[in-house]
Structure formats: structure tokens, C-alpha cells
Amino acid sequence: MSASVALPVADHRLAVLLRRYEDILANSCPAFSDAEWSALSEALADINLEETDALRRLYATVCHEIQRRGLDGKWHIDARALMHRLGGLSRAEEAALVEIVEFRLGRGRGI
């Protein structure tokens, strides 16, 4: 019986945490051009972004994939400038980037 009482409290707490997370992401959206978003999305298309260490590996993964796939030429972007900006993102900005990419790839609901 106590489990049924605790469940609504847990549901409420989860809802509060999700609203806070959405607010953090909405206020941490990094600014990239449409071409840069396309390159980032393509670079991360085959990556499981739900893995625990996906954010920790984000910079290295994007650098590798942009170079390996020649995405800078395909999307006409300055890869060095993009990598420099990507390397300066906060963890919240990285999380927002991942959520936006997931949405662009049709795997998430966006922010």
C-alpha cells in the first residue's frame, strides 16, 4: 500500500526534474548555422546518444566523423571554427545540442 502512495510523489518529482531540464536546455541552445546543424546531425546520425558517456565523447566523435565523412566540404562549413566553438560549449549546451540533433534525426521531441 505504501508503494501506491509513493508513486504519485515520484511521478511529481520526475515531472519537476523534466521541466527543469527542459528549461536548462531551452536557455542553453548553442548558435550554429543551418549548414553546421546539418553537419552535426549527420556526424551524430549513427551514434547512440543515449549512452551514458555520449556527452563526454561528443567533441571527439564530431571531430572524427566530420573529418571521416568529409562533412565540412559537403555542407560548406569551416570545420576548424566549428570544432573550436564546439570545444567551448558548456555541459548544458552540449546536452541541448544532443537534444536538437535527436529531434532533427526524428529520434526525439526537441526543446
PDB file of N, CA and C in Angstrom:
ATOM      1  N   MET A   1       0.814  -1.193   0.000  1.00  0.00           N
ATOM      2  CA  MET A   1       0.000   0.000   0.000  1.00  0.00           C
ATOM      3  C   MET A   1       0.863   1.264   0.000  1.00  0.00           C
ATOM      4  N   SER A   2       1.985   1.235   0.708  1.00  0.00           N
ATOM      5  CA  SER A   2       2.837   2.419   0.727  1.00  0.00           C
ATOM      6  C   SER A   2       3.451   2.692  -0.637  1.00  0.00           C
ATOM      7  N   ALA A   3       3.657   1.680  -1.457  1.00  0.00           N
ATOM      8  CA  ALA A   3       4.208   1.885  -2.796  1.00  0.00           C
ATOM      9  C   ALA A   3       3.254   2.702  -3.661  1.00  0.00           C
ATOM     10  N   SER A   4       1.945   2.481  -3.512  1.00  0.00           N
ATOM     11  CA  SER A   4       0.985   3.240  -4.309  1.00  0.00           C
ATOM     12  C   SER A   4       0.942   4.701  -3.874  1.00  0.00           C
ATOM     13  N   VAL A   5       1.227   4.978  -2.618  1.00  0.00           N
ATOM     14  CA  VAL A   5       1.273   6.359  -2.141  1.00  0.00           C
ATOM     15  C   VAL A   5       2.551   7.036  -2.636  1.00  0.00           C
ATOM     16  N   ALA A   6       3.675   6.312  -2.667  1.00  0.00           N
ATOM     17  CA  ALA A   6       4.958   6.882  -3.072  1.00  0.00           C
ATOM     18  C   ALA A   6       5.012   7.145  -4.578  1.00  0.00           C
ATOM     19  N   LEU A   7       4.287   6.386  -5.357  1.00  0.00           N
ATOM     20  CA  LEU A   7       4.344   6.530  -6.803  1.00  0.00           C
ATOM     21  C   LEU A   7       3.934   7.921  -7.281  1.00  0.00           C
ATOM     22  N   PRO A   8       2.814   8.467  -6.828  1.00  0.00           N
ATOM     23  CA  PRO A   8       2.472   9.828  -7.266  1.00  0.00           C
ATOM     24  C   PRO A   8       3.535  10.860  -6.873  1.00  0.00           C
ATOM     25  N   VAL A   9       4.151  10.691  -5.720  1.00  0.00           N
ATOM     26  CA  VAL A   9       5.207  11.608  -5.297  1.00  0.00           C
ATOM     27  C   VAL A   9       6.397  11.473  -6.241  1.00  0.00           C
ATOM     28  N   ALA A  10       6.754  10.242  -6.581  1.00  0.00           N
ATOM     29  CA  ALA A  10       7.863  10.010  -7.502  1.00  0.00           C
ATOM     30  C   ALA A  10       7.530  10.566  -8.887  1.00  0.00           C
ATOM     31  N   ASP A  11       6.313  10.366  -9.343  1.00  0.00           N
ATOM     32  CA  ASP A  11       5.890  10.905 -10.638  1.00  0.00           C
ATOM     33  C   ASP A  11       5.973  12.429 -10.650  1.00  0.00           C
ATOM     34  N   HIS A  12       5.528  13.043  -9.566  1.00  0.00           N
ATOM     35  CA  HIS A  12       5.583  14.500  -9.466  1.00  0.00           C
ATOM     36  C   HIS A  12       7.038  14.974  -9.482  1.00  0.00           C
ATOM     37  N   ARG A  13       7.879  14.307  -8.724  1.00  0.00           N
ATOM     38  CA  ARG A  13       9.303  14.685  -8.663  1.00  0.00           C
ATOM     39  C   ARG A  13       9.952  14.558 -10.033  1.00  0.00           C
ATOM     40  N   LEU A  14       9.656  13.480 -10.744  1.00  0.00           N
ATOM     41  CA  LEU A  14      10.190  13.296 -12.086  1.00  0.00           C
ATOM     42  C   LEU A  14       9.706  14.395 -13.027  1.00  0.00           C
ATOM     43  N   ALA A  15       8.448  14.760 -12.921  1.00  0.00           N
ATOM     44  CA  ALA A  15       7.895  15.834 -13.757  1.00  0.00           C
ATOM     45  C   ALA A  15       8.610  17.158 -13.475  1.00  0.00           C
ATOM     46  N   VAL A  16       8.893  17.435 -12.203  1.00  0.00           N
ATOM     47  CA  VAL A  16       9.611  18.660 -11.837  1.00  0.00           C
ATOM     48  C   VAL A  16      11.016  18.644 -12.436  1.00  0.00           C
ATOM     49  N   LEU A  17      11.695  17.525 -12.315  1.00  0.00           N
ATOM     50  CA  LEU A  17      13.044  17.412 -12.868  1.00  0.00           C
ATOM     51  C   LEU A  17      13.049  17.572 -14.386  1.00  0.00           C
ATOM     52  N   LEU A  18      12.080  16.999 -15.050  1.00  0.00           N
ATOM     53  CA  LEU A  18      11.990  17.123 -16.504  1.00  0.00           C
ATOM     54  C   LEU A  18      11.730  18.567 -16.930  1.00  0.00           C
ATOM     55  N   ARG A  19      10.858  19.273 -16.202  1.00  0.00           N
ATOM     56  CA  ARG A  19      10.611  20.687 -16.516  1.00  0.00           C
ATOM     57  C   ARG A  19      11.882  21.513 -16.327  1.00  0.00           C
ATOM     58  N   ARG A  20      12.627  21.230 -15.271  1.00  0.00           N
ATOM     59  CA  ARG A  20      13.882  21.958 -15.043  1.00  0.00           C
ATOM     60  C   ARG A  20      14.886  21.669 -16.157  1.00  0.00           C
ATOM     61  N   TYR A  21      14.979  20.409 -16.543  1.00  0.00           N
ATOM     62  CA  TYR A  21      15.890  20.017 -17.616  1.00  0.00           C
ATOM     63  C   TYR A  21      15.514  20.721 -18.911  1.00  0.00           C
ATOM     64  N   GLU A  22      14.246  20.744 -19.242  1.00  0.00           N
ATOM     65  CA  GLU A  22      13.788  21.432 -20.451  1.00  0.00           C
ATOM     66  C   GLU A  22      14.099  22.919 -20.395  1.00  0.00           C
ATOM     67  N   ASP A  23      13.946  23.530 -19.232  1.00  0.00           N
ATOM     68  CA  ASP A  23      14.252  24.951 -19.077  1.00  0.00           C
ATOM     69  C   ASP A  23      15.745  25.204 -19.261  1.00  0.00           C
ATOM     70  N   ILE A  24      16.564  24.357 -18.668  1.00  0.00           N
ATOM     71  CA  ILE A  24      18.018  24.491 -18.826  1.00  0.00           C
ATOM     72  C   ILE A  24      18.391  24.371 -20.299  1.00  0.00           C
ATOM     73  N   LEU A  25      17.843  23.376 -20.975  1.00  0.00           N
ATOM     74  CA  LEU A  25      18.160  23.179 -22.391  1.00  0.00           C
ATOM     75  C   LEU A  25      17.687  24.353 -23.243  1.00  0.00           C
ATOM     76  N   ALA A  26      16.486  24.820 -22.986  1.00  0.00           N
ATOM     77  CA  ALA A  26      15.935  25.929 -23.765  1.00  0.00           C
ATOM     78  C   ALA A  26      16.781  27.195 -23.623  1.00  0.00           C
ATOM     79  N   ASN A  27      17.396  27.366 -22.476  1.00  0.00           N
ATOM     80  CA  ASN A  27      18.225  28.548 -22.241  1.00  0.00           C
ATOM     81  C   ASN A  27      19.699  28.309 -22.540  1.00  0.00           C
ATOM     82  N   SER A  28      20.026  27.135 -23.065  1.00  0.00           N
ATOM     83  CA  SER A  28      21.420  26.787 -23.339  1.00  0.00           C
ATOM     84  C   SER A  28      21.636  26.372 -24.786  1.00  0.00           C
ATOM     85  N   CYS A  29      20.732  26.744 -25.652  1.00  0.00           N
ATOM     86  CA  CYS A  29      20.796  26.325 -27.049  1.00  0.00           C
ATOM     87  C   CYS A  29      21.975  26.997 -27.754  1.00  0.00           C
ATOM     88  N   PRO A  30      22.945  26.212 -28.221  1.00  0.00           N
ATOM     89  CA  PRO A  30      24.079  26.819 -28.923  1.00  0.00           C
ATOM     90  C   PRO A  30      23.663  27.366 -30.295  1.00  0.00           C
ATOM     91  N   ALA A  31      24.349  28.395 -30.727  1.00  0.00           N
ATOM     92  CA  ALA A  31      24.039  29.025 -32.016  1.00  0.00           C
ATOM     93  C   ALA A  31      24.941  28.461 -33.100  1.00  0.00           C
ATOM     94  N   PHE A  32      24.349  27.750 -34.033  1.00  0.00           N
ATOM     95  CA  PHE A  32      25.051  27.232 -35.199  1.00  0.00           C
ATOM     96  C   PHE A  32      24.237  27.590 -36.432  1.00  0.00           C
ATOM     97  N   SER A  33      24.897  27.683 -37.567  1.00  0.00           N
ATOM     98  CA  SER A  33      24.197  27.933 -38.818  1.00  0.00           C
ATOM     99  C   SER A  33      23.425  26.679 -39.229  1.00  0.00           C
ATOM    100  N   ASP A  34      22.513  26.816 -40.174  1.00  0.00           N
ATOM    101  CA  ASP A  34      21.768  25.656 -40.667  1.00  0.00           C
ATOM    102  C   ASP A  34      22.716  24.597 -41.215  1.00  0.00           C
ATOM    103  N   ALA A  35      23.741  25.030 -41.950  1.00  0.00           N
ATOM    104  CA  ALA A  35      24.709  24.077 -42.510  1.00  0.00           C
ATOM    105  C   ALA A  35      25.474  23.355 -41.402  1.00  0.00           C
ATOM    106  N   GLU A  36      25.834  24.095 -40.344  1.00  0.00           N
ATOM    107  CA  GLU A  36      26.540  23.461 -39.219  1.00  0.00           C
ATOM    108  C   GLU A  36      25.642  22.466 -38.501  1.00  0.00           C
ATOM    109  N   TRP A  37      24.356  22.823 -38.307  1.00  0.00           N
ATOM    110  CA  TRP A  37      23.421  21.875 -37.685  1.00  0.00           C
ATOM    111  C   TRP A  37      23.285  20.621 -38.543  1.00  0.00           C
ATOM    112  N   SER A  38      23.260  20.803 -39.863  1.00  0.00           N
ATOM    113  CA  SER A  38      23.162  19.650 -40.759  1.00  0.00           C
ATOM    114  C   SER A  38      24.398  18.762 -40.633  1.00  0.00           C
ATOM    115  N   ALA A  39      25.577  19.372 -40.595  1.00  0.00           N
ATOM    116  CA  ALA A  39      26.818  18.603 -40.441  1.00  0.00           C
ATOM    117  C   ALA A  39      26.854  17.890 -39.086  1.00  0.00           C
ATOM    118  N   LEU A  40      26.471  18.589 -38.032  1.00  0.00           N
ATOM    119  CA  LEU A  40      26.433  17.970 -36.703  1.00  0.00           C
ATOM    120  C   LEU A  40      25.460  16.799 -36.666  1.00  0.00           C
ATOM    121  N   SER A  41      24.294  16.998 -37.260  1.00  0.00           N
ATOM    122  CA  SER A  41      23.288  15.929 -37.280  1.00  0.00           C
ATOM    123  C   SER A  41      23.786  14.722 -38.057  1.00  0.00           C
ATOM    124  N   GLU A  42      24.404  14.971 -39.196  1.00  0.00           N
ATOM    125  CA  GLU A  42      24.920  13.849 -39.991  1.00  0.00           C
ATOM    126  C   GLU A  42      26.081  13.163 -39.272  1.00  0.00           C
ATOM    127  N   ALA A  43      26.923  13.936 -38.614  1.00  0.00           N
ATOM    128  CA  ALA A  43      28.059  13.365 -37.886  1.00  0.00           C
ATOM    129  C   ALA A  43      27.600  12.458 -36.746  1.00  0.00           C
ATOM    130  N   LEU A  44      26.466  12.786 -36.160  1.00  0.00           N
ATOM    131  CA  LEU A  44      25.981  12.035 -34.995  1.00  0.00           C
ATOM    132  C   LEU A  44      24.862  11.058 -35.330  1.00  0.00           C
ATOM    133  N   ALA A  45      24.523  10.931 -36.607  1.00  0.00           N
ATOM    134  CA  ALA A  45      23.378  10.116 -37.013  1.00  0.00           C
ATOM    135  C   ALA A  45      23.498   8.646 -36.606  1.00  0.00           C
ATOM    136  N   ASP A  46      24.695   8.094 -36.644  1.00  0.00           N
ATOM    137  CA  ASP A  46      24.881   6.675 -36.337  1.00  0.00           C
ATOM    138  C   ASP A  46      25.369   6.437 -34.913  1.00  0.00           C
ATOM    139  N   ILE A  47      25.362   7.468 -34.111  1.00  0.00           N
ATOM    140  CA  ILE A  47      25.867   7.388 -32.744  1.00  0.00           C
ATOM    141  C   ILE A  47      24.698   7.239 -31.773  1.00  0.00           C
ATOM    142  N   ASN A  48      24.835   6.328 -30.816  1.00  0.00           N
ATOM    143  CA  ASN A  48      23.808   6.165 -29.783  1.00  0.00           C
ATOM    144  C   ASN A  48      24.005   7.276 -28.756  1.00  0.00           C
ATOM    145  N   LEU A  49      23.227   8.311 -28.878  1.00  0.00           N
ATOM    146  CA  LEU A  49      23.369   9.472 -28.000  1.00  0.00           C
ATOM    147  C   LEU A  49      22.724   9.268 -26.635  1.00  0.00           C
ATOM    148  N   GLU A  50      22.111   8.112 -26.438  1.00  0.00           N
ATOM    149  CA  GLU A  50      21.520   7.812 -25.133  1.00  0.00           C
ATOM    150  C   GLU A  50      22.501   7.111 -24.209  1.00  0.00           C
ATOM    151  N   GLU A  51      23.680   6.759 -24.716  1.00  0.00           N
ATOM    152  CA  GLU A  51      24.695   6.139 -23.867  1.00  0.00           C
ATOM    153  C   GLU A  51      25.147   7.121 -22.797  1.00  0.00           C
ATOM    154  N   THR A  52      25.531   6.597 -21.674  1.00  0.00           N
ATOM    155  CA  THR A  52      25.911   7.413 -20.524  1.00  0.00           C
ATOM    156  C   THR A  52      27.039   8.385 -20.838  1.00  0.00           C
ATOM    157  N   ASP A  53      28.023   7.956 -21.602  1.00  0.00           N
ATOM    158  CA  ASP A  53      29.180   8.814 -21.858  1.00  0.00           C
ATOM    159  C   ASP A  53      29.112   9.543 -23.198  1.00  0.00           C
ATOM    160  N   ALA A  54      27.937   9.614 -23.804  1.00  0.00           N
ATOM    161  CA  ALA A  54      27.807  10.269 -25.114  1.00  0.00           C
ATOM    162  C   ALA A  54      28.220  11.740 -25.050  1.00  0.00           C
ATOM    163  N   LEU A  55      27.844  12.443 -23.999  1.00  0.00           N
ATOM    164  CA  LEU A  55      28.230  13.851 -23.883  1.00  0.00           C
ATOM    165  C   LEU A  55      29.735  13.998 -23.691  1.00  0.00           C
ATOM    166  N   ARG A  56      30.305  13.108 -22.912  1.00  0.00           N
ATOM    167  CA  ARG A  56      31.749  13.179 -22.660  1.00  0.00           C
ATOM    168  C   ARG A  56      32.541  12.978 -23.948  1.00  0.00           C
ATOM    169  N   ARG A  57      32.018  12.166 -24.848  1.00  0.00           N
ATOM    170  CA  ARG A  57      32.701  11.855 -26.099  1.00  0.00           C
ATOM    171  C   ARG A  57      32.233  12.719 -27.269  1.00  0.00           C
ATOM    172  N   LEU A  58      31.343  13.663 -27.022  1.00  0.00           N
ATOM    173  CA  LEU A  58      30.718  14.438 -28.096  1.00  0.00           C
ATOM    174  C   LEU A  58      31.742  15.135 -28.988  1.00  0.00           C
ATOM    175  N   TYR A  59      32.657  15.869 -28.399  1.00  0.00           N
ATOM    176  CA  TYR A  59      33.641  16.636 -29.164  1.00  0.00           C
ATOM    177  C   TYR A  59      34.475  15.708 -30.046  1.00  0.00           C
ATOM    178  N   ALA A  60      35.038  14.669 -29.456  1.00  0.00           N
ATOM    179  CA  ALA A  60      35.891  13.741 -30.213  1.00  0.00           C
ATOM    180  C   ALA A  60      35.107  13.035 -31.307  1.00  0.00           C
ATOM    181  N   THR A  61      33.875  12.658 -31.014  1.00  0.00           N
ATOM    182  CA  THR A  61      33.042  11.963 -32.002  1.00  0.00           C
ATOM    183  C   THR A  61      32.757  12.864 -33.193  1.00  0.00           C
ATOM    184  N   VAL A  62      32.336  14.093 -32.926  1.00  0.00           N
ATOM    185  CA  VAL A  62      32.007  15.020 -34.014  1.00  0.00           C
ATOM    186  C   VAL A  62      33.252  15.326 -34.839  1.00  0.00           C
ATOM    187  N   CYS A  63      34.377  15.601 -34.191  1.00  0.00           N
ATOM    188  CA  CYS A  63      35.626  15.872 -34.918  1.00  0.00           C
ATOM    189  C   CYS A  63      35.967  14.718 -35.849  1.00  0.00           C
ATOM    190  N   HIS A  64      35.920  13.516 -35.320  1.00  0.00           N
ATOM    191  CA  HIS A  64      36.258  12.320 -36.099  1.00  0.00           C
ATOM    192  C   HIS A  64      35.303  12.136 -37.279  1.00  0.00           C
ATOM    193  N   GLU A  65      34.014  12.242 -37.023  1.00  0.00           N
ATOM    194  CA  GLU A  65      33.021  11.987 -38.061  1.00  0.00           C
ATOM    195  C   GLU A  65      33.016  13.062 -39.146  1.00  0.00           C
ATOM    196  N   ILE A  66      33.229  14.315 -38.779  1.00  0.00           N
ATOM    197  CA  ILE A  66      33.285  15.373 -39.791  1.00  0.00           C
ATOM    198  C   ILE A  66      34.484  15.143 -40.706  1.00  0.00           C
ATOM    199  N   GLN A  67      35.617  14.776 -40.127  1.00  0.00           N
ATOM    200  CA  GLN A  67      36.798  14.506 -40.935  1.00  0.00           C
ATOM    201  C   GLN A  67      36.609  13.231 -41.763  1.00  0.00           C
ATOM    202  N   ARG A  68      36.141  12.161 -41.149  1.00  0.00           N
ATOM    203  CA  ARG A  68      35.988  10.872 -41.831  1.00  0.00           C
ATOM    204  C   ARG A  68      35.008  10.947 -42.997  1.00  0.00           C
ATOM    205  N   ARG A  69      33.923  11.671 -42.802  1.00  0.00           N
ATOM    206  CA  ARG A  69      32.876  11.751 -43.827  1.00  0.00           C
ATOM    207  C   ARG A  69      33.011  12.946 -44.764  1.00  0.00           C
ATOM    208  N   GLY A  70      33.979  13.809 -44.501  1.00  0.00           N
ATOM    209  CA  GLY A  70      34.153  14.994 -45.344  1.00  0.00           C
ATOM    210  C   GLY A  70      32.960  15.936 -45.274  1.00  0.00           C
ATOM    211  N   LEU A  71      32.383  16.058 -44.085  1.00  0.00           N
ATOM    212  CA  LEU A  71      31.165  16.855 -43.944  1.00  0.00           C
ATOM    213  C   LEU A  71      31.407  18.351 -44.072  1.00  0.00           C
ATOM    214  N   ASP A  72      32.630  18.773 -43.823  1.00  0.00           N
ATOM    215  CA  ASP A  72      32.916  20.205 -43.989  1.00  0.00           C
ATOM    216  C   ASP A  72      32.785  20.603 -45.456  1.00  0.00           C
ATOM    217  N   GLY A  73      33.256  19.749 -46.358  1.00  0.00           N
ATOM    218  CA  GLY A  73      33.103  20.019 -47.783  1.00  0.00           C
ATOM    219  C   GLY A  73      31.669  19.868 -48.253  1.00  0.00           C
ATOM    220  N   LYS A  74      31.000  18.831 -47.756  1.00  0.00           N
ATOM    221  CA  LYS A  74      29.617  18.594 -48.167  1.00  0.00           C
ATOM    222  C   LYS A  74      28.711  19.749 -47.771  1.00  0.00           C
ATOM    223  N   TRP A  75      28.870  20.251 -46.543  1.00  0.00           N
ATOM    224  CA  TRP A  75      27.981  21.293 -46.022  1.00  0.00           C
ATOM    225  C   TRP A  75      28.592  22.693 -46.127  1.00  0.00           C
ATOM    226  N   HIS A  76      29.792  22.788 -46.709  1.00  0.00           N
ATOM    227  CA  HIS A  76      30.472  24.080 -46.906  1.00  0.00           C
ATOM    228  C   HIS A  76      30.605  24.855 -45.588  1.00  0.00           C
ATOM    229  N   ILE A  77      31.213  24.173 -44.622  1.00  0.00           N
ATOM    230  CA  ILE A  77      31.435  24.787 -43.310  1.00  0.00           C
ATOM    231  C   ILE A  77      32.928  24.827 -43.013  1.00  0.00           C
ATOM    232  N   ASP A  78      33.305  25.678 -42.085  1.00  0.00           N
ATOM    233  CA  ASP A  78      34.679  25.751 -41.602  1.00  0.00           C
ATOM    234  C   ASP A  78      34.774  24.798 -40.404  1.00  0.00           C
ATOM    235  N   ALA A  79      35.333  23.619 -40.646  1.00  0.00           N
ATOM    236  CA  ALA A  79      35.384  22.586 -39.609  1.00  0.00           C
ATOM    237  C   ALA A  79      36.186  23.041 -38.393  1.00  0.00           C
ATOM    238  N   ARG A  80      37.289  23.736 -38.631  1.00  0.00           N
ATOM    239  CA  ARG A  80      38.110  24.204 -37.502  1.00  0.00           C
ATOM    240  C   ARG A  80      37.336  25.170 -36.613  1.00  0.00           C
ATOM    241  N   ALA A  81      36.643  26.109 -37.232  1.00  0.00           N
ATOM    242  CA  ALA A  81      35.863  27.081 -36.461  1.00  0.00           C
ATOM    243  C   ALA A  81      34.741  26.371 -35.697  1.00  0.00           C
ATOM    244  N   LEU A  82      34.096  25.410 -36.345  1.00  0.00           N
ATOM    245  CA  LEU A  82      33.030  24.657 -35.681  1.00  0.00           C
ATOM    246  C   LEU A  82      33.585  23.876 -34.499  1.00  0.00           C
ATOM    247  N   MET A  83      34.718  23.227 -34.689  1.00  0.00           N
ATOM    248  CA  MET A  83      35.321  22.444 -33.601  1.00  0.00           C
ATOM    249  C   MET A  83      35.748  23.349 -32.452  1.00  0.00           C
ATOM    250  N   HIS A  84      36.259  24.524 -32.791  1.00  0.00           N
ATOM    251  CA  HIS A  84      36.650  25.476 -31.742  1.00  0.00           C
ATOM    252  C   HIS A  84      35.429  25.872 -30.905  1.00  0.00           C
ATOM    253  N   ARG A  85      34.331  26.187 -31.583  1.00  0.00           N
ATOM    254  CA  ARG A  85      33.109  26.566 -30.865  1.00  0.00           C
ATOM    255  C   ARG A  85      32.536  25.384 -30.100  1.00  0.00           C
ATOM    256  N   LEU A  86      32.581  24.214 -30.701  1.00  0.00           N
ATOM    257  CA  LEU A  86      32.078  23.016 -30.044  1.00  0.00           C
ATOM    258  C   LEU A  86      32.869  22.710 -28.773  1.00  0.00           C
ATOM    259  N   GLY A  87      34.184  22.905 -28.841  1.00  0.00           N
ATOM    260  CA  GLY A  87      35.034  22.656 -27.677  1.00  0.00           C
ATOM    261  C   GLY A  87      34.778  23.606 -26.523  1.00  0.00           C
ATOM    262  N   GLY A  88      34.166  24.744 -26.806  1.00  0.00           N
ATOM    263  CA  GLY A  88      33.893  25.728 -25.770  1.00  0.00           C
ATOM    264  C   GLY A  88      32.502  25.645 -25.165  1.00  0.00           C
ATOM    265  N   LEU A  89      31.720  24.650 -25.601  1.00  0.00           N
ATOM    266  CA  LEU A  89      30.356  24.532 -25.079  1.00  0.00           C
ATOM    267  C   LEU A  89      30.347  24.061 -23.630  1.00  0.00           C
ATOM    268  N   SER A  90      29.391  24.565 -22.877  1.00  0.00           N
ATOM    269  CA  SER A  90      29.174  24.070 -21.516  1.00  0.00           C
ATOM    270  C   SER A  90      28.469  22.720 -21.600  1.00  0.00           C
ATOM    271  N   ARG A  91      28.390  22.013 -20.497  1.00  0.00           N
ATOM    272  CA  ARG A  91      27.696  20.725 -20.486  1.00  0.00           C
ATOM    273  C   ARG A  91      26.218  20.904 -20.835  1.00  0.00           C
ATOM    274  N   ALA A  92      25.613  21.984 -20.361  1.00  0.00           N
ATOM    275  CA  ALA A  92      24.203  22.248 -20.690  1.00  0.00           C
ATOM    276  C   ALA A  92      24.041  22.496 -22.188  1.00  0.00           C
ATOM    277  N   GLU A  93      24.977  23.225 -22.785  1.00  0.00           N
ATOM    278  CA  GLU A  93      24.917  23.475 -24.229  1.00  0.00           C
ATOM    279  C   GLU A  93      25.123  22.180 -25.016  1.00  0.00           C
ATOM    280  N   GLU A  94      26.007  21.313 -24.526  1.00  0.00           N
ATOM    281  CA  GLU A  94      26.202  20.013 -25.170  1.00  0.00           C
ATOM    282  C   GLU A  94      24.919  19.186 -25.112  1.00  0.00           C
ATOM    283  N   ALA A  95      24.267  19.203 -23.954  1.00  0.00           N
ATOM    284  CA  ALA A  95      23.008  18.459 -23.805  1.00  0.00           C
ATOM    285  C   ALA A  95      21.945  19.014 -24.740  1.00  0.00           C
ATOM    286  N   ALA A  96      21.880  20.339 -24.854  1.00  0.00           N
ATOM    287  CA  ALA A  96      20.918  20.953 -25.771  1.00  0.00           C
ATOM    288  C   ALA A  96      21.235  20.564 -27.211  1.00  0.00           C
ATOM    289  N   LEU A  97      22.516  20.565 -27.572  1.00  0.00           N
ATOM    290  CA  LEU A  97      22.920  20.167 -28.916  1.00  0.00           C
ATOM    291  C   LEU A  97      22.436  18.746 -29.206  1.00  0.00           C
ATOM    292  N   VAL A  98      22.664  17.840 -28.279  1.00  0.00           N
ATOM    293  CA  VAL A  98      22.251  16.449 -28.466  1.00  0.00           C
ATOM    294  C   VAL A  98      20.737  16.350 -28.627  1.00  0.00           C
ATOM    295  N   GLU A  99      19.983  17.074 -27.819  1.00  0.00           N
ATOM    296  CA  GLU A  99      18.525  17.026 -27.927  1.00  0.00           C
ATOM    297  C   GLU A  99      18.059  17.573 -29.283  1.00  0.00           C
ATOM    298  N   ILE A 100      18.680  18.634 -29.753  1.00  0.00           N
ATOM    299  CA  ILE A 100      18.313  19.217 -31.048  1.00  0.00           C
ATOM    300  C   ILE A 100      18.655  18.253 -32.178  1.00  0.00           C
ATOM    301  N   VAL A 101      19.832  17.649 -32.110  1.00  0.00           N
ATOM    302  CA  VAL A 101      20.225  16.677 -33.138  1.00  0.00           C
ATOM    303  C   VAL A 101      19.265  15.493 -33.136  1.00  0.00           C
ATOM    304  N   GLU A 102      18.920  14.998 -31.956  1.00  0.00           N
ATOM    305  CA  GLU A 102      17.966  13.880 -31.872  1.00  0.00           C
ATOM    306  C   GLU A 102      16.645  14.265 -32.535  1.00  0.00           C
ATOM    307  N   PHE A 103      16.187  15.487 -32.293  1.00  0.00           N
ATOM    308  CA  PHE A 103      14.945  15.957 -32.907  1.00  0.00           C
ATOM    309  C   PHE A 103      15.086  16.037 -34.423  1.00  0.00           C
ATOM    310  N   ARG A 104      16.212  16.601 -34.888  1.00  0.00           N
ATOM    311  CA  ARG A 104      16.432  16.719 -36.336  1.00  0.00           C
ATOM    312  C   ARG A 104      16.493  15.361 -37.010  1.00  0.00           C
ATOM    313  N   LEU A 105      16.969  14.357 -36.274  1.00  0.00           N
ATOM    314  CA  LEU A 105      17.073  12.993 -36.810  1.00  0.00           C
ATOM    315  C   LEU A 105      15.766  12.210 -36.631  1.00  0.00           C
ATOM    316  N   GLY A 106      14.768  12.851 -36.030  1.00  0.00           N
ATOM    317  CA  GLY A 106      13.480  12.183 -35.828  1.00  0.00           C
ATOM    318  C   GLY A 106      13.474  11.210 -34.670  1.00  0.00           C
ATOM    319  N   ARG A 107      14.424  11.367 -33.745  1.00  0.00           N
ATOM    320  CA  ARG A 107      14.525  10.440 -32.612  1.00  0.00           C
ATOM    321  C   ARG A 107      14.118  11.064 -31.289  1.00  0.00           C
ATOM    322  N   GLY A 108      13.713  12.322 -31.304  1.00  0.00           N
ATOM    323  CA  GLY A 108      13.363  12.989 -30.050  1.00  0.00           C
ATOM    324  C   GLY A 108      12.293  14.026 -30.304  1.00  0.00           C
ATOM    325  N   ARG A 109      11.891  14.675 -29.228  1.00  0.00           N
ATOM    326  CA  ARG A 109      10.811  15.657 -29.376  1.00  0.00           C
ATOM    327  C   ARG A 109      11.308  17.083 -29.399  1.00  0.00           C
ATOM    328  N   GLY A 110      12.616  17.298 -29.245  1.00  0.00           N
ATOM    329  CA  GLY A 110      13.160  18.644 -29.322  1.00  0.00           C
ATOM    330  C   GLY A 110      12.982  19.422 -28.040  1.00  0.00           C
ATOM    331  N   ILE A 111      13.458  20.681 -28.078  1.00  0.00           N
ATOM    332  CA  ILE A 111      13.333  21.518 -26.881  1.00  0.00           C
ATOM    333  C   ILE A 111      12.579  22.787 -27.217  1.00  0.00           C
TER     334      ILE A 111
END
